[in-house]
Amino acid sequence: MHSRQIADRIMRALTSSNVSLLLFMLAVAGSGQVSAATDVHVMQPWSRALPAVSRNGAAYVTLMNHGASTTRLVGASTPIADSAELHTHVIEEGVMKMRRLDGLTIETGDRVVLEPGGNHIMLFGLNQPLVEAEHYPLTLEFEDGAEVNVTVEVRAAHAESRAGSEHNHDDHGSGDDAHGHDRQAMENVSAAEAPTLSITVSVTTAGRHVLELVISNFEFSREHADDPHRDGEGHAHLYLNDVKLGTLYETRLLLEPLPPGHHQVRVGLYTNDHRAYAIDQVPIQAVQHVSVSD
């Protein structure tokens, strides 16, 4: 828009005493565009606290589009990491994989939740540990060039996003800690009837890590997912360094290569209706620690 045209419109706005139109014209003249991303409300940005040796982390947010047009989140950045990327988790042919996303579309009136086990922002090359109760800055980048700066809260390892947990199909009623002991909806069973679980993480000749589950008194039941509880049926949740990777319905899984460092692999058993199997309020789960050299 040429300066002369802007001036003419401002004069017409003054003549008609249309203050709202005047303010809008001044905004257009000063910024060159009105960003749809400015209408995105960012709620509850958070990360899980991680051991100091962790080199990668994740950030989660809930995005609500109050604007009149669709917008798209395409990236993020933070000074506490070398890079930040949009990612999701998928299981393909029995292999748990993390996939980079080129963006997330947010339709008008929609809410998009980035949460453990789903879409999230990966933080690669952390240059400071994610410590409980501390905060760090994060910039969200949108397709139209707009940026939204937020402050991310680092929560204890057991904390789930309050906004995200309402939408996480795999975590109804849960908020488990690093040991799976806090705030979970549970299905308590007697020790005699309880499922048993053990896991091993081995390395193939090609250097890949294989997770294997040994279970008893329990069957995976993908076909009954979300159905009412049936004794001895359900699924498992897989966590890496207390970050949920996904839901399992098989006893063997090939993991993508783990980065150098110390890692904790944790698996817990859950009912069809998403409650943790437990004995005396202690969830049934197994943990193995894995070290990967440089």
C-alpha atoms as a PDB file:
ATOM      1  CA  MET A   1       0.000   0.000   0.000  1.00  0.00           C
ATOM      2  CA  HIS A   2       1.498   3.379  -1.072  1.00  0.00           C
ATOM      3  CA  SER A   3       1.949   6.192   1.456  1.00  0.00           C
ATOM      4  CA  ARG A   4      -0.546   8.381  -0.411  1.00  0.00           C
ATOM      5  CA  GLN A   5      -3.229   5.692  -0.253  1.00  0.00           C
ATOM      6  CA  ILE A   6      -2.602   5.158   3.463  1.00  0.00           C
ATOM      7  CA  ALA A   7      -2.868   8.902   4.096  1.00  0.00           C
ATOM      8  CA  ASP A   8      -6.156   9.119   2.153  1.00  0.00           C
ATOM      9  CA  ARG A   9      -7.654   6.257   4.168  1.00  0.00           C
ATOM     10  CA  ILE A  10      -6.550   7.810   7.440  1.00  0.00           C
ATOM     11  CA  MET A  11      -8.176  11.099   6.436  1.00  0.00           C
ATOM     12  CA  ARG A  12     -11.420   9.316   5.609  1.00  0.00           C
ATOM     13  CA  ALA A  13     -11.253   7.538   8.958  1.00  0.00           C
ATOM     14  CA  LEU A  14     -10.768  10.867  10.751  1.00  0.00           C
ATOM     15  CA  THR A  15     -13.636  12.439   8.837  1.00  0.00           C
ATOM     16  CA  SER A  16     -16.009   9.660   9.851  1.00  0.00           C
ATOM     17  CA  SER A  17     -14.645   9.558  13.439  1.00  0.00           C
ATOM     18  CA  ASN A  18     -14.073   5.840  12.968  1.00  0.00           C
ATOM     19  CA  VAL A  19     -11.408   5.409  15.621  1.00  0.00           C
ATOM     20  CA  SER A  20     -11.276   1.613  15.283  1.00  0.00           C
ATOM     21  CA  LEU A  21     -10.605   1.845  11.574  1.00  0.00           C
ATOM     22  CA  LEU A  22      -7.922   4.460  12.152  1.00  0.00           C
ATOM     23  CA  LEU A  23      -6.095   2.285  14.632  1.00  0.00           C
ATOM     24  CA  PHE A  24      -6.277  -0.649  12.253  1.00  0.00           C
ATOM     25  CA  MET A  25      -4.852   1.376   9.374  1.00  0.00           C
ATOM     26  CA  LEU A  26      -1.991   2.607  11.532  1.00  0.00           C
ATOM     27  CA  ALA A  27      -1.194  -0.966  12.528  1.00  0.00           C
ATOM     28  CA  VAL A  28      -1.119  -2.084   8.893  1.00  0.00           C
ATOM     29  CA  ALA A  29       1.072   0.842   7.896  1.00  0.00           C
ATOM     30  CA  GLY A  30       3.550   0.109  10.689  1.00  0.00           C
ATOM     31  CA  SER A  31       3.810  -3.669  10.507  1.00  0.00           C
ATOM     32  CA  GLY A  32       3.092  -4.567   6.890  1.00  0.00           C
ATOM     33  CA  GLN A  33       0.838  -7.495   7.907  1.00  0.00           C
ATOM     34  CA  VAL A  34      -1.525  -8.690  10.579  1.00  0.00           C
ATOM     35  CA  SER A  35      -0.389 -12.094  11.794  1.00  0.00           C
ATOM     36  CA  ALA A  36      -2.898 -14.879  12.385  1.00  0.00           C
ATOM     37  CA  ALA A  37      -0.460 -16.208  14.987  1.00  0.00           C
ATOM     38  CA  THR A  38      -1.154 -13.186  17.202  1.00  0.00           C
ATOM     39  CA  ASP A  39      -4.581 -14.753  17.808  1.00  0.00           C
ATOM     40  CA  VAL A  40      -3.057 -18.001  19.091  1.00  0.00           C
ATOM     41  CA  HIS A  41      -3.302 -18.356  22.839  1.00  0.00           C
ATOM     42  CA  VAL A  42      -0.374 -20.371  24.238  1.00  0.00           C
ATOM     43  CA  MET A  43      -1.290 -22.232  27.425  1.00  0.00           C
ATOM     44  CA  GLN A  44       0.808 -24.093  29.976  1.00  0.00           C
ATOM     45  CA  PRO A  45       4.240 -24.411  28.322  1.00  0.00           C
ATOM     46  CA  TRP A  46       6.172 -27.011  30.327  1.00  0.00           C
ATOM     47  CA  SER A  47       9.006 -29.538  30.315  1.00  0.00           C
ATOM     48  CA  ARG A  48       9.828 -32.527  32.472  1.00  0.00           C
ATOM     49  CA  ALA A  49      12.825 -32.311  34.778  1.00  0.00           C
ATOM     50  CA  LEU A  50      15.621 -34.591  33.581  1.00  0.00           C
ATOM     51  CA  PRO A  51      18.901 -35.939  34.971  1.00  0.00           C
ATOM     52  CA  ALA A  52      21.808 -33.527  34.557  1.00  0.00           C
ATOM     53  CA  VAL A  53      23.490 -35.917  32.100  1.00  0.00           C
ATOM     54  CA  SER A  54      20.565 -35.709  29.651  1.00  0.00           C
ATOM     55  CA  ARG A  55      21.589 -34.108  26.375  1.00  0.00           C
ATOM     56  CA  ASN A  56      18.086 -33.861  24.910  1.00  0.00           C
ATOM     57  CA  GLY A  57      14.705 -32.868  26.306  1.00  0.00           C
ATOM     58  CA  ALA A  58      11.208 -31.933  25.217  1.00  0.00           C
ATOM     59  CA  ALA A  59       8.773 -29.061  25.592  1.00  0.00           C
ATOM     60  CA  TYR A  60       4.984 -29.217  25.575  1.00  0.00           C
ATOM     61  CA  VAL A  61       2.326 -26.538  25.066  1.00  0.00           C
ATOM     62  CA  THR A  62      -1.372 -26.188  24.317  1.00  0.00           C
ATOM     63  CA  LEU A  63      -2.277 -23.833  21.466  1.00  0.00           C
ATOM     64  CA  MET A  64      -5.750 -22.325  21.000  1.00  0.00           C
ATOM     65  CA  ASN A  65      -6.567 -20.417  17.820  1.00  0.00           C
ATOM     66  CA  HIS A  66      -8.998 -17.596  18.610  1.00  0.00           C
ATOM     67  CA  GLY A  67      -8.481 -15.950  15.227  1.00  0.00           C
ATOM     68  CA  ALA A  68     -10.601 -15.884  12.096  1.00  0.00           C
ATOM     69  CA  SER A  69      -8.100 -17.794   9.955  1.00  0.00           C
ATOM     70  CA  THR A  70      -6.022 -20.959  10.065  1.00  0.00           C
ATOM     71  CA  THR A  71      -2.435 -20.673  11.243  1.00  0.00           C
ATOM     72  CA  ARG A  72       0.485 -23.089  11.345  1.00  0.00           C
ATOM     73  CA  LEU A  73       3.261 -23.688  13.872  1.00  0.00           C
ATOM     74  CA  VAL A  74       6.448 -24.489  11.938  1.00  0.00           C
ATOM     75  CA  GLY A  75       9.293 -24.319  14.439  1.00  0.00           C
ATOM     76  CA  ALA A  76      10.753 -23.231  17.754  1.00  0.00           C
ATOM     77  CA  SER A  77      13.998 -22.057  19.302  1.00  0.00           C
ATOM     78  CA  THR A  78      15.473 -21.586  22.758  1.00  0.00           C
ATOM     79  CA  PRO A  79      18.842 -20.386  24.047  1.00  0.00           C
ATOM     80  CA  ILE A  80      19.147 -23.441  26.323  1.00  0.00           C
ATOM     81  CA  ALA A  81      19.508 -25.901  23.398  1.00  0.00           C
ATOM     82  CA  ASP A  82      21.475 -26.110  20.167  1.00  0.00           C
ATOM     83  CA  SER A  83      18.262 -26.681  18.207  1.00  0.00           C
ATOM     84  CA  ALA A  84      14.534 -27.287  18.645  1.00  0.00           C
ATOM     85  CA  GLU A  85      12.308 -29.253  16.264  1.00  0.00           C
ATOM     86  CA  LEU A  86       8.669 -30.328  16.034  1.00  0.00           C
ATOM     87  CA  HIS A  87       8.451 -34.106  16.443  1.00  0.00           C
ATOM     88  CA  THR A  88       6.024 -36.970  16.904  1.00  0.00           C
ATOM     89  CA  HIS A  89       6.327 -40.680  17.804  1.00  0.00           C
ATOM     90  CA  VAL A  90       5.266 -43.536  15.536  1.00  0.00           C
ATOM     91  CA  ILE A  91       5.612 -47.311  15.574  1.00  0.00           C
ATOM     92  CA  GLU A  92       6.353 -48.715  12.133  1.00  0.00           C
ATOM     93  CA  GLU A  93       6.688 -52.473  11.635  1.00  0.00           C
ATOM     94  CA  GLY A  94       7.496 -52.941  15.304  1.00  0.00           C
ATOM     95  CA  VAL A  95      10.063 -50.143  15.437  1.00  0.00           C
ATOM     96  CA  MET A  96       9.525 -47.113  17.678  1.00  0.00           C
ATOM     97  CA  LYS A  97      10.586 -44.060  15.694  1.00  0.00           C
ATOM     98  CA  MET A  98      10.666 -40.344  16.273  1.00  0.00           C
ATOM     99  CA  ARG A  99       9.638 -38.335  13.233  1.00  0.00           C
ATOM    100  CA  ARG A 100      10.272 -34.673  12.540  1.00  0.00           C
ATOM    101  CA  LEU A 101       7.206 -32.657  11.533  1.00  0.00           C
ATOM    102  CA  ASP A 102       7.312 -29.765   9.076  1.00  0.00           C
ATOM    103  CA  GLY A 103       4.492 -28.043  10.938  1.00  0.00           C
ATOM    104  CA  LEU A 104       1.240 -28.289  12.880  1.00  0.00           C
ATOM    105  CA  THR A 105      -1.911 -26.702  11.481  1.00  0.00           C
ATOM    106  CA  ILE A 106      -4.246 -24.961  13.923  1.00  0.00           C
ATOM    107  CA  GLU A 107      -7.697 -24.385  12.482  1.00  0.00           C
ATOM    108  CA  THR A 108      -9.901 -21.522  13.628  1.00  0.00           C
ATOM    109  CA  GLY A 109     -11.378 -22.346  17.017  1.00  0.00           C
ATOM    110  CA  ASP A 110      -9.227 -25.462  17.406  1.00  0.00           C
ATOM    111  CA  ARG A 111      -6.987 -26.442  20.291  1.00  0.00           C
ATOM    112  CA  VAL A 112      -3.788 -28.345  19.516  1.00  0.00           C
ATOM    113  CA  VAL A 113      -2.043 -30.120  22.397  1.00  0.00           C
ATOM    114  CA  LEU A 114       1.665 -30.965  22.355  1.00  0.00           C
ATOM    115  CA  GLU A 115       2.072 -33.677  24.984  1.00  0.00           C
ATOM    116  CA  PRO A 116       4.130 -36.702  26.051  1.00  0.00           C
ATOM    117  CA  GLY A 117       3.601 -39.625  23.700  1.00  0.00           C
ATOM    118  CA  GLY A 118       2.320 -37.354  20.924  1.00  0.00           C
ATOM    119  CA  ASN A 119       3.417 -34.239  19.103  1.00  0.00           C
ATOM    120  CA  HIS A 120       6.077 -32.294  20.993  1.00  0.00           C
ATOM    121  CA  ILE A 121       9.041 -29.939  20.638  1.00  0.00           C
ATOM    122  CA  MET A 122      12.365 -31.771  20.874  1.00  0.00           C
ATOM    123  CA  LEU A 123      15.274 -29.881  22.421  1.00  0.00           C
ATOM    124  CA  PHE A 124      18.605 -31.137  21.076  1.00  0.00           C
ATOM    125  CA  GLY A 125      21.966 -30.359  22.675  1.00  0.00           C
ATOM    126  CA  LEU A 126      20.870 -28.991  26.036  1.00  0.00           C
ATOM    127  CA  ASN A 127      23.440 -26.585  27.423  1.00  0.00           C
ATOM    128  CA  GLN A 128      21.864 -26.521  30.858  1.00  0.00           C
ATOM    129  CA  PRO A 129      19.942 -29.191  32.812  1.00  0.00           C
ATOM    130  CA  LEU A 130      16.154 -29.141  33.062  1.00  0.00           C
ATOM    131  CA  VAL A 131      15.747 -28.676  36.805  1.00  0.00           C
ATOM    132  CA  GLU A 132      12.408 -28.819  38.611  1.00  0.00           C
ATOM    133  CA  ALA A 133      10.854 -25.394  39.385  1.00  0.00           C
ATOM    134  CA  GLU A 134      13.221 -23.539  37.055  1.00  0.00           C
ATOM    135  CA  HIS A 135      12.123 -21.768  33.865  1.00  0.00           C
ATOM    136  CA  TYR A 136      13.536 -21.079  30.414  1.00  0.00           C
ATOM    137  CA  PRO A 137      12.501 -19.008  27.359  1.00  0.00           C
ATOM    138  CA  LEU A 138      11.048 -20.600  24.229  1.00  0.00           C
ATOM    139  CA  THR A 139      10.120 -18.915  20.961  1.00  0.00           C
ATOM    140  CA  LEU A 140       7.345 -20.436  18.841  1.00  0.00           C
ATOM    141  CA  GLU A 141       7.655 -19.748  15.120  1.00  0.00           C
ATOM    142  CA  PHE A 142       4.670 -19.548  12.789  1.00  0.00           C
ATOM    143  CA  GLU A 143       4.380 -19.921   9.048  1.00  0.00           C
ATOM    144  CA  ASP A 144       3.503 -16.258   8.480  1.00  0.00           C
ATOM    145  CA  GLY A 145       6.760 -15.174  10.121  1.00  0.00           C
ATOM    146  CA  ALA A 146       5.256 -14.268  13.478  1.00  0.00           C
ATOM    147  CA  GLU A 147       6.970 -15.357  16.689  1.00  0.00           C
ATOM    148  CA  VAL A 148       5.477 -15.870  20.138  1.00  0.00           C
ATOM    149  CA  ASN A 149       7.782 -15.829  23.160  1.00  0.00           C
ATOM    150  CA  VAL A 150       6.795 -17.929  26.181  1.00  0.00           C
ATOM    151  CA  THR A 151       8.362 -18.989  29.461  1.00  0.00           C
ATOM    152  CA  VAL A 152       8.508 -22.743  30.013  1.00  0.00           C
ATOM    153  CA  GLU A 153       8.054 -24.209  33.488  1.00  0.00           C
ATOM    154  CA  VAL A 154      10.164 -27.253  34.357  1.00  0.00           C
ATOM    155  CA  ARG A 155       8.049 -29.708  36.336  1.00  0.00           C
ATOM    156  CA  ALA A 156       8.915 -32.749  38.403  1.00  0.00           C
ATOM    157  CA  ALA A 157       9.295 -35.976  36.458  1.00  0.00           C
ATOM    158  CA  HIS A 158       5.836 -37.150  37.556  1.00  0.00           C
ATOM    159  CA  ALA A 159       4.009 -34.048  36.331  1.00  0.00           C
ATOM    160  CA  GLU A 160       1.680 -34.259  33.349  1.00  0.00           C
ATOM    161  CA  SER A 161       0.328 -31.281  31.453  1.00  0.00           C
ATOM    162  CA  ARG A 162      -3.056 -30.484  32.988  1.00  0.00           C
ATOM    163  CA  ALA A 163      -4.251 -29.240  29.631  1.00  0.00           C
ATOM    164  CA  GLY A 164      -2.730 -32.125  27.730  1.00  0.00           C
ATOM    165  CA  SER A 165      -3.894 -34.921  30.008  1.00  0.00           C
ATOM    166  CA  GLU A 166      -7.497 -34.210  29.040  1.00  0.00           C
ATOM    167  CA  HIS A 167      -6.642 -35.124  25.479  1.00  0.00           C
ATOM    168  CA  ASN A 168      -4.114 -37.895  25.853  1.00  0.00           C
ATOM    169  CA  HIS A 169      -5.926 -41.055  24.836  1.00  0.00           C
ATOM    170  CA  ASP A 170      -3.254 -43.190  26.432  1.00  0.00           C
ATOM    171  CA  ASP A 171      -3.081 -41.541  29.836  1.00  0.00           C
ATOM    172  CA  HIS A 172      -6.648 -41.239  31.127  1.00  0.00           C
ATOM    173  CA  GLY A 173      -6.512 -40.538  34.823  1.00  0.00           C
ATOM    174  CA  SER A 174      -2.752 -40.802  35.031  1.00  0.00           C
ATOM    175  CA  GLY A 175       0.078 -38.592  36.162  1.00  0.00           C
ATOM    176  CA  ASP A 176       2.733 -41.097  37.062  1.00  0.00           C
ATOM    177  CA  ASP A 177       6.093 -40.162  38.500  1.00  0.00           C
ATOM    178  CA  ALA A 178       9.492 -41.588  37.673  1.00  0.00           C
ATOM    179  CA  HIS A 179       8.497 -44.674  39.652  1.00  0.00           C
ATOM    180  CA  GLY A 180       4.864 -44.629  38.553  1.00  0.00           C
ATOM    181  CA  HIS A 181       3.589 -44.075  42.106  1.00  0.00           C
ATOM    182  CA  ASP A 182       1.751 -40.753  42.068  1.00  0.00           C
ATOM    183  CA  ARG A 183      -1.759 -39.725  41.048  1.00  0.00           C
ATOM    184  CA  GLN A 184      -2.530 -42.704  38.829  1.00  0.00           C
ATOM    185  CA  ALA A 185      -5.894 -44.341  38.394  1.00  0.00           C
ATOM    186  CA  MET A 186      -5.127 -47.934  39.282  1.00  0.00           C
ATOM    187  CA  GLU A 187      -6.538 -51.426  39.011  1.00  0.00           C
ATOM    188  CA  ASN A 188      -5.348 -53.134  42.178  1.00  0.00           C
ATOM    189  CA  VAL A 189      -5.008 -56.891  41.939  1.00  0.00           C
ATOM    190  CA  SER A 190      -3.902 -59.531  44.394  1.00  0.00           C
ATOM    191  CA  ALA A 191      -0.302 -60.677  44.250  1.00  0.00           C
ATOM    192  CA  ALA A 192      -1.446 -64.179  43.334  1.00  0.00           C
ATOM    193  CA  GLU A 193      -3.454 -62.996  40.315  1.00  0.00           C
ATOM    194  CA  ALA A 194      -1.321 -60.030  39.281  1.00  0.00           C
ATOM    195  CA  PRO A 195       0.399 -59.826  35.900  1.00  0.00           C
ATOM    196  CA  THR A 196       4.177 -60.063  36.029  1.00  0.00           C
ATOM    197  CA  LEU A 197       6.567 -58.077  33.862  1.00  0.00           C
ATOM    198  CA  SER A 198      10.289 -58.024  33.213  1.00  0.00           C
ATOM    199  CA  ILE A 199      12.219 -56.302  30.426  1.00  0.00           C
ATOM    200  CA  THR A 200      15.597 -56.574  28.788  1.00  0.00           C
ATOM    201  CA  VAL A 201      17.321 -54.143  26.452  1.00  0.00           C
ATOM    202  CA  SER A 202      19.944 -55.845  24.314  1.00  0.00           C
ATOM    203  CA  VAL A 203      22.215 -54.644  21.514  1.00  0.00           C
ATOM    204  CA  THR A 204      22.235 -56.249  18.073  1.00  0.00           C
ATOM    205  CA  THR A 205      25.394 -56.826  16.052  1.00  0.00           C
ATOM    206  CA  ALA A 206      24.434 -53.722  14.096  1.00  0.00           C
ATOM    207  CA  GLY A 207      24.434 -51.663  17.272  1.00  0.00           C
ATOM    208  CA  ARG A 208      20.647 -51.318  17.534  1.00  0.00           C
ATOM    209  CA  HIS A 209      18.808 -51.617  20.858  1.00  0.00           C
ATOM    210  CA  VAL A 210      16.046 -54.191  21.195  1.00  0.00           C
ATOM    211  CA  LEU A 211      13.448 -54.027  23.962  1.00  0.00           C
ATOM    212  CA  GLU A 212      11.898 -57.347  24.951  1.00  0.00           C
ATOM    213  CA  LEU A 213       9.083 -57.889  27.461  1.00  0.00           C
ATOM    214  CA  VAL A 214       8.447 -61.101  29.376  1.00  0.00           C
ATOM    215  CA  ILE A 215       4.928 -61.181  30.823  1.00  0.00           C
ATOM    216  CA  SER A 216       2.635 -63.637  32.538  1.00  0.00           C
ATOM    217  CA  ASN A 217      -1.046 -63.522  33.577  1.00  0.00           C
ATOM    218  CA  PHE A 218      -1.470 -60.825  30.955  1.00  0.00           C
ATOM    219  CA  GLU A 219      -2.402 -60.483  27.277  1.00  0.00           C
ATOM    220  CA  PHE A 220      -2.092 -57.518  24.957  1.00  0.00           C
ATOM    221  CA  SER A 221      -5.523 -56.594  23.620  1.00  0.00           C
ATOM    222  CA  ARG A 222      -5.454 -53.956  20.920  1.00  0.00           C
ATOM    223  CA  GLU A 223      -8.977 -54.888  19.821  1.00  0.00           C
ATOM    224  CA  HIS A 224     -10.352 -54.021  23.276  1.00  0.00           C
ATOM    225  CA  ALA A 225      -8.569 -50.682  23.691  1.00  0.00           C
ATOM    226  CA  ASP A 226     -10.922 -48.190  25.408  1.00  0.00           C
ATOM    227  CA  ASP A 227     -13.328 -51.004  26.353  1.00  0.00           C
ATOM    228  CA  PRO A 228     -14.277 -51.687  29.975  1.00  0.00           C
ATOM    229  CA  HIS A 229     -11.687 -53.496  32.065  1.00  0.00           C
ATOM    230  CA  ARG A 230     -11.193 -57.225  31.523  1.00  0.00           C
ATOM    231  CA  ASP A 231      -8.928 -59.090  33.940  1.00  0.00           C
ATOM    232  CA  GLY A 232      -5.451 -59.770  32.573  1.00  0.00           C
ATOM    233  CA  GLU A 233      -5.859 -57.674  29.412  1.00  0.00           C
ATOM    234  CA  GLY A 234      -4.556 -54.330  28.274  1.00  0.00           C
ATOM    235  CA  HIS A 235      -1.454 -52.625  26.927  1.00  0.00           C
ATOM    236  CA  ALA A 236       1.892 -51.238  28.072  1.00  0.00           C
ATOM    237  CA  HIS A 237       3.355 -47.744  28.224  1.00  0.00           C
ATOM    238  CA  LEU A 238       6.965 -47.202  27.190  1.00  0.00           C
ATOM    239  CA  TYR A 239       9.072 -44.398  28.699  1.00  0.00           C
ATOM    240  CA  LEU A 240      12.603 -43.291  27.887  1.00  0.00           C
ATOM    241  CA  ASN A 241      14.189 -41.094  30.550  1.00  0.00           C
ATOM    242  CA  ASP A 242      10.691 -40.507  31.990  1.00  0.00           C
ATOM    243  CA  VAL A 243       9.384 -39.199  28.663  1.00  0.00           C
ATOM    244  CA  LYS A 244       6.546 -41.298  27.323  1.00  0.00           C
ATOM    245  CA  LEU A 245       7.287 -42.673  23.857  1.00  0.00           C
ATOM    246  CA  GLY A 246       4.055 -44.509  23.224  1.00  0.00           C
ATOM    247  CA  THR A 247       1.751 -47.467  23.808  1.00  0.00           C
ATOM    248  CA  LEU A 248       2.826 -51.064  23.208  1.00  0.00           C
ATOM    249  CA  TYR A 249       0.827 -54.086  22.107  1.00  0.00           C
ATOM    250  CA  GLU A 250       3.757 -56.395  21.441  1.00  0.00           C
ATOM    251  CA  THR A 251       6.567 -57.992  23.417  1.00  0.00           C
ATOM    252  CA  ARG A 252       9.462 -57.016  21.150  1.00  0.00           C
ATOM    253  CA  LEU A 253      10.372 -53.585  19.874  1.00  0.00           C
ATOM    254  CA  LEU A 254      13.395 -52.305  17.951  1.00  0.00           C
ATOM    255  CA  LEU A 255      14.368 -48.866  19.259  1.00  0.00           C
ATOM    256  CA  GLU A 256      15.937 -46.190  17.150  1.00  0.00           C
ATOM    257  CA  PRO A 257      19.629 -45.627  18.002  1.00  0.00           C
ATOM    258  CA  LEU A 258      19.988 -44.062  21.442  1.00  0.00           C
ATOM    259  CA  PRO A 259      22.272 -41.043  21.755  1.00  0.00           C
ATOM    260  CA  PRO A 260      25.444 -41.326  23.869  1.00  0.00           C
ATOM    261  CA  GLY A 261      24.833 -41.153  27.591  1.00  0.00           C
ATOM    262  CA  HIS A 262      22.909 -42.935  30.331  1.00  0.00           C
ATOM    263  CA  HIS A 263      19.269 -43.813  29.692  1.00  0.00           C
ATOM    264  CA  GLN A 264      16.400 -45.268  31.677  1.00  0.00           C
ATOM    265  CA  VAL A 265      13.903 -47.503  29.863  1.00  0.00           C
ATOM    266  CA  ARG A 266      10.664 -48.045  31.782  1.00  0.00           C
ATOM    267  CA  VAL A 267       7.575 -50.087  30.894  1.00  0.00           C
ATOM    268  CA  GLY A 268       4.294 -50.305  32.833  1.00  0.00           C
ATOM    269  CA  LEU A 269       1.175 -52.443  32.332  1.00  0.00           C
ATOM    270  CA  TYR A 270      -2.234 -50.824  31.878  1.00  0.00           C
ATOM    271  CA  THR A 271      -5.836 -51.955  31.619  1.00  0.00           C
ATOM    272  CA  ASN A 272      -8.009 -51.551  28.523  1.00  0.00           C
ATOM    273  CA  ASP A 273      -9.567 -48.473  30.143  1.00  0.00           C
ATOM    274  CA  HIS A 274      -6.158 -46.912  30.825  1.00  0.00           C
ATOM    275  CA  ARG A 275      -5.556 -47.629  34.520  1.00  0.00           C
ATOM    276  CA  ALA A 276      -2.262 -48.902  35.839  1.00  0.00           C
ATOM    277  CA  TYR A 277      -2.175 -52.481  37.050  1.00  0.00           C
ATOM    278  CA  ALA A 278      -0.968 -52.350  40.647  1.00  0.00           C
ATOM    279  CA  ILE A 279      -0.391 -54.382  43.788  1.00  0.00           C
ATOM    280  CA  ASP A 280      -1.173 -52.443  46.987  1.00  0.00           C
ATOM    281  CA  GLN A 281      -1.150 -49.161  45.045  1.00  0.00           C
ATOM    282  CA  VAL A 282       2.291 -49.889  43.550  1.00  0.00           C
ATOM    283  CA  PRO A 283       2.144 -49.999  39.726  1.00  0.00           C
ATOM    284  CA  ILE A 284       3.405 -53.104  37.968  1.00  0.00           C
ATOM    285  CA  GLN A 285       6.341 -52.014  35.870  1.00  0.00           C
ATOM    286  CA  ALA A 286       9.961 -52.773  35.022  1.00  0.00           C
ATOM    287  CA  VAL A 287      13.016 -50.570  34.561  1.00  0.00           C
ATOM    288  CA  GLN A 288      16.372 -51.092  32.884  1.00  0.00           C
ATOM    289  CA  HIS A 289      19.285 -48.672  32.633  1.00  0.00           C
ATOM    290  CA  VAL A 290      21.256 -48.459  29.403  1.00  0.00           C
ATOM    291  CA  SER A 291      24.605 -46.767  28.804  1.00  0.00           C
ATOM    292  CA  VAL A 292      25.663 -45.748  25.317  1.00  0.00           C
ATOM    293  CA  SER A 293      29.259 -44.736  24.710  1.00  0.00           C
ATOM    294  CA  ASP A 294      30.351 -41.981  22.350  1.00  0.00           C
END
